[in-house]
N, C-alpha and C. Protein backbone atom coordinates (compact mmCIF):
# COMPACT_ATOMS: atom_id res chain seq x y z
N MET A 1 148.36 152.29 46.79
CA MET A 1 147.44 152.48 45.38
C MET A 1 148.48 152.25 44.31
N ILE A 2 148.49 152.75 43.14
CA ILE A 2 149.21 152.60 41.79
C ILE A 2 150.12 153.75 41.24
N ALA A 3 151.34 153.30 41.31
CA ALA A 3 152.15 154.14 40.69
C ALA A 3 153.02 153.73 39.26
N GLY A 4 152.32 154.05 38.59
CA GLY A 4 152.99 153.30 37.24
C GLY A 4 152.39 152.07 37.14
N ARG A 5 153.46 150.68 37.12
CA ARG A 5 152.84 149.37 37.21
C ARG A 5 153.13 148.57 38.56
N ARG A 6 153.41 149.64 39.36
CA ARG A 6 153.78 148.82 40.82
C ARG A 6 152.58 149.13 41.81
N LEU A 7 152.72 148.25 42.61
CA LEU A 7 151.58 148.25 43.60
C LEU A 7 152.50 148.86 44.85
N ILE A 8 151.72 150.02 45.48
CA ILE A 8 152.06 150.78 46.42
C ILE A 8 151.71 150.12 47.75
N ASN A 9 150.47 149.93 47.79
CA ASN A 9 149.75 149.52 49.20
C ASN A 9 148.73 148.60 48.60
N VAL A 10 148.70 147.33 49.55
CA VAL A 10 147.54 146.63 49.06
C VAL A 10 147.19 146.50 50.68
N SER A 11 146.21 145.97 51.34
CA SER A 11 145.37 145.51 52.67
C SER A 11 145.12 144.46 52.08
N GLY A 12 145.36 143.34 53.29
CA GLY A 12 144.49 141.99 53.27
C GLY A 12 144.79 141.38 54.59
N ASP A 13 144.23 140.17 54.80
CA ASP A 13 144.58 139.41 56.11
C ASP A 13 145.47 138.57 55.88
N GLY A 14 146.30 138.13 55.08
CA GLY A 14 147.22 137.08 54.48
C GLY A 14 146.65 135.67 54.51
N ALA A 15 145.56 135.98 54.39
CA ALA A 15 144.95 134.32 54.25
C ALA A 15 145.59 133.45 52.64
N GLY A 16 145.96 134.36 51.84
CA GLY A 16 146.43 133.61 51.15
C GLY A 16 147.91 133.07 51.11
N GLY A 17 148.41 133.42 52.19
CA GLY A 17 149.84 132.94 52.26
C GLY A 17 150.77 134.11 52.17
N ALA A 18 151.52 134.13 51.01
CA ALA A 18 152.60 135.52 51.50
C ALA A 18 151.67 136.70 51.27
N GLN A 19 152.24 137.90 52.38
CA GLN A 19 151.59 138.88 52.08
C GLN A 19 152.45 139.68 51.07
N PRO A 20 151.62 140.71 50.48
CA PRO A 20 152.23 141.62 49.34
C PRO A 20 153.37 142.38 49.81
N VAL A 21 154.52 142.89 48.97
CA VAL A 21 155.10 143.67 49.38
C VAL A 21 154.71 144.88 48.72
N PRO A 22 155.05 146.22 49.40
CA PRO A 22 155.17 147.28 49.09
C PRO A 22 156.21 147.58 47.81
N GLY A 23 155.73 147.78 46.83
CA GLY A 23 156.58 148.43 45.94
C GLY A 23 156.49 147.31 44.51
N ALA A 24 156.42 146.14 44.76
CA ALA A 24 155.65 144.81 44.10
C ALA A 24 155.11 145.15 43.10
N PRO A 25 155.91 144.65 41.61
CA PRO A 25 155.04 144.85 40.47
C PRO A 25 153.69 143.75 40.77
N VAL A 26 152.35 144.81 40.18
CA VAL A 26 151.35 144.10 39.86
C VAL A 26 151.25 142.78 39.69
N ALA A 27 151.88 142.43 38.17
CA ALA A 27 151.63 141.39 37.89
C ALA A 27 152.78 139.83 38.73
N THR A 28 153.10 140.47 39.50
CA THR A 28 153.87 139.33 40.91
C THR A 28 152.45 139.18 41.76
N VAL A 29 152.19 140.26 42.12
CA VAL A 29 151.01 139.94 43.04
C VAL A 29 149.73 139.50 42.91
N ALA A 30 149.57 139.93 41.87
CA ALA A 30 148.66 139.19 40.90
C ALA A 30 148.66 137.32 40.86
N LYS A 31 149.82 137.14 40.23
CA LYS A 31 149.99 135.89 40.36
C LYS A 31 150.12 135.09 41.56
N ASP A 32 150.46 135.79 42.66
CA ASP A 32 150.90 135.15 44.12
C ASP A 32 149.55 134.92 44.92
N LEU A 33 148.53 136.05 43.97
CA LEU A 33 147.01 135.91 44.70
C LEU A 33 146.27 134.52 43.65
N GLY A 34 146.92 134.37 42.66
CA GLY A 34 146.28 133.59 42.13
C GLY A 34 145.04 134.25 40.92
N ILE A 35 145.26 135.47 40.86
CA ILE A 35 144.02 136.13 40.08
C ILE A 35 144.76 137.08 38.96
N SER A 36 143.66 137.57 37.97
CA SER A 36 144.61 138.14 36.95
C SER A 36 144.93 139.57 37.27
N GLU A 37 145.81 140.22 36.41
CA GLU A 37 146.10 141.74 36.64
C GLU A 37 145.34 142.50 36.50
N SER A 38 144.67 142.39 35.35
CA SER A 38 143.66 143.35 35.44
C SER A 38 142.38 143.17 36.46
N CYS A 39 142.38 141.96 37.27
CA CYS A 39 141.25 141.37 38.14
C CYS A 39 142.06 142.55 39.32
N LEU A 40 143.03 142.57 39.64
CA LEU A 40 143.70 143.34 41.01
C LEU A 40 143.73 144.63 40.02
N ARG A 41 144.08 145.16 39.31
CA ARG A 41 143.76 146.36 39.12
C ARG A 41 142.00 147.03 39.33
N ARG A 42 141.18 146.35 38.89
CA ARG A 42 140.28 146.42 39.29
C ARG A 42 140.07 146.74 40.90
N TRP A 43 140.20 145.85 41.46
CA TRP A 43 140.18 145.68 43.03
C TRP A 43 141.00 147.21 43.34
N MET A 44 142.11 147.67 42.94
CA MET A 44 142.68 148.43 43.70
C MET A 44 141.86 149.93 42.96
N ASP A 45 141.58 150.23 41.92
CA ASP A 45 140.74 150.99 40.88
C ASP A 45 139.69 151.39 42.27
N GLN A 46 139.03 150.26 42.60
CA GLN A 46 137.65 150.22 43.70
C GLN A 46 138.15 150.65 44.78
N ASP A 47 139.20 150.33 45.46
CA ASP A 47 139.58 150.72 46.75
C ASP A 47 140.03 151.86 46.47
N ALA A 48 140.28 152.58 45.87
CA ALA A 48 140.69 154.06 45.38
C ALA A 48 139.64 155.23 45.65
N VAL A 49 138.58 154.41 44.89
CA VAL A 49 137.39 155.13 44.85
C VAL A 49 136.36 155.36 46.36
N ASP A 50 136.82 153.82 46.83
CA ASP A 50 136.30 153.68 48.24
C ASP A 50 137.04 154.77 49.44
N ALA A 51 138.31 154.73 49.12
CA ALA A 51 139.14 155.63 50.11
C ALA A 51 138.64 156.88 49.70
N GLY A 52 138.44 157.27 48.65
CA GLY A 52 137.91 158.55 48.65
C GLY A 52 138.81 159.70 47.28
N THR A 53 139.76 159.03 46.97
CA THR A 53 141.18 159.30 46.37
C THR A 53 141.01 159.55 44.65
N ARG A 54 139.38 158.79 44.03
CA ARG A 54 139.78 158.59 42.91
C ARG A 54 137.92 159.10 42.54
N PRO A 55 137.49 159.87 41.93
CA PRO A 55 135.93 159.77 41.49
C PRO A 55 135.40 158.85 41.24
N GLY A 56 134.01 158.61 41.82
CA GLY A 56 133.14 157.25 41.20
C GLY A 56 132.25 156.71 42.42
N LEU A 57 131.59 155.95 41.87
CA LEU A 57 130.46 155.15 43.11
C LEU A 57 131.33 153.76 43.85
N THR A 58 131.36 154.55 45.08
CA THR A 58 132.02 153.60 45.93
C THR A 58 130.96 152.11 45.97
N THR A 59 131.66 151.37 46.91
CA THR A 59 131.05 150.05 47.04
C THR A 59 129.38 149.96 47.66
N ALA A 60 129.75 150.66 48.38
CA ALA A 60 127.89 150.85 49.24
C ALA A 60 127.25 151.79 48.55
N GLU A 61 127.94 152.84 47.40
CA GLU A 61 126.61 153.19 46.53
C GLU A 61 126.27 152.35 45.34
N ARG A 62 127.42 151.78 45.11
CA ARG A 62 126.79 150.60 43.99
C ARG A 62 125.91 149.68 44.36
N ALA A 63 126.17 148.94 45.27
CA ALA A 63 125.15 148.34 45.84
C ALA A 63 123.54 148.49 46.42
N GLU A 64 123.81 149.91 46.68
CA GLU A 64 122.43 150.90 47.10
C GLU A 64 121.67 150.71 45.43
N LEU A 65 122.60 151.34 44.69
CA LEU A 65 121.79 151.80 42.96
C LEU A 65 121.25 150.12 42.44
N VAL A 66 121.90 149.14 42.48
CA VAL A 66 121.56 148.05 42.22
C VAL A 66 120.53 147.37 43.28
N GLU A 67 119.90 147.59 44.08
CA GLU A 67 119.15 147.53 44.96
C GLU A 67 118.16 148.33 44.55
N LEU A 68 118.23 149.46 44.75
CA LEU A 68 117.23 150.21 44.06
C LEU A 68 116.75 149.97 42.62
N ARG A 69 117.47 149.55 41.62
CA ARG A 69 117.35 149.22 40.31
C ARG A 69 116.51 147.79 40.61
N ARG A 70 116.69 147.08 41.01
CA ARG A 70 116.06 145.70 41.45
C ARG A 70 114.52 146.30 41.93
N ARG A 71 114.45 146.99 42.94
CA ARG A 71 113.11 147.56 43.38
C ARG A 71 112.02 148.05 42.45
N THR A 72 113.03 148.84 41.84
CA THR A 72 111.99 149.57 40.76
C THR A 72 111.63 148.41 39.60
N ARG A 73 112.01 147.40 39.60
CA ARG A 73 112.02 146.57 38.34
C ARG A 73 110.60 145.82 39.00
N VAL A 74 110.77 145.68 40.35
CA VAL A 74 109.68 145.15 41.11
C VAL A 74 108.38 145.69 40.83
N LEU A 75 108.60 147.01 41.30
CA LEU A 75 107.58 147.73 41.62
C LEU A 75 106.84 148.20 40.03
N GLU A 76 107.45 147.90 38.65
CA GLU A 76 106.74 148.38 37.56
C GLU A 76 106.30 147.03 37.00
N THR A 77 106.89 145.98 37.46
CA THR A 77 106.13 144.63 37.07
C THR A 77 104.61 144.60 37.78
N GLU A 78 104.73 144.95 39.09
CA GLU A 78 103.92 144.60 39.88
C GLU A 78 102.55 145.98 39.31
N ASN A 79 103.09 147.15 38.90
CA ASN A 79 102.46 147.75 38.26
C ASN A 79 101.36 147.47 37.29
N GLU A 80 102.23 147.05 36.39
CA GLU A 80 101.76 146.30 35.15
C GLU A 80 100.63 145.38 35.20
N ILE A 81 101.09 144.61 36.38
CA ILE A 81 99.79 143.56 36.74
C ILE A 81 98.70 143.62 37.34
N LEU A 82 98.55 145.14 37.94
CA LEU A 82 97.26 145.59 38.22
C LEU A 82 96.70 146.49 37.29
N LYS A 83 97.54 146.93 36.22
CA LYS A 83 96.92 147.84 35.13
C LYS A 83 96.17 146.36 34.21
N ARG A 84 97.00 145.47 34.17
CA ARG A 84 96.01 144.43 33.65
C ARG A 84 94.87 143.61 34.11
N ALA A 85 94.79 143.77 35.31
CA ALA A 85 94.01 143.09 36.47
C ALA A 85 92.82 143.96 36.21
N ALA A 86 93.17 145.70 36.31
CA ALA A 86 91.59 146.26 36.11
C ALA A 86 91.06 146.39 34.64
N ALA A 87 91.80 146.53 33.83
CA ALA A 87 91.00 146.11 32.64
C ALA A 87 90.48 145.05 32.65
N TYR A 88 90.86 143.85 32.96
CA TYR A 88 89.92 142.72 33.01
C TYR A 88 88.82 142.54 33.73
N PHE A 89 88.72 143.36 35.03
CA PHE A 89 87.50 143.30 35.69
C PHE A 89 86.82 144.31 35.32
N ALA A 90 87.70 145.36 34.76
CA ALA A 90 86.57 146.42 33.98
C ALA A 90 85.91 146.16 32.62
N ARG A 91 86.47 145.52 32.18
CA ARG A 91 85.90 144.84 31.20
C ARG A 91 84.65 143.34 31.22
N GLU A 92 84.87 143.06 32.15
CA GLU A 92 83.79 142.20 32.73
C GLU A 92 82.86 142.65 33.17
N ASN A 93 82.77 143.65 34.19
CA ASN A 93 81.61 144.78 34.64
C ASN A 93 80.66 145.20 33.38
N ILE A 94 81.25 145.30 32.13
CA ILE A 94 80.83 146.30 31.43
C ILE A 94 79.92 145.11 30.62
N LEU A 95 80.45 144.15 29.94
CA LEU A 95 79.76 142.93 29.04
C LEU A 95 78.56 142.43 29.65
N PRO A 96 77.72 142.48 28.91
CA PRO A 96 76.16 141.43 29.53
C PRO A 96 76.46 140.08 30.02
N LYS A 97 76.05 139.88 30.91
CA LYS A 97 75.96 138.66 31.09
C LYS A 97 74.63 137.74 30.52
């Protein structure tokens, strides 16, 4: 995790080449991985949340929330379409032909 501006523990498969060294500065690790410091810090913060050491939404909870919001949006759209169709057909049945 993070102690000041130093990286204490980074998990990874080593696909990027060099393994992060415990205690290495975040800037060095970020440069080795080819990403920005802020990106690495966000990953580390999210890892701390996923591990349960920090409060917040875990990755799984965040994915579920995104899916639920998407589903809600679809249902609201479908509901609006059905309301308009019902109004259309109701108007059609009332008017003389």
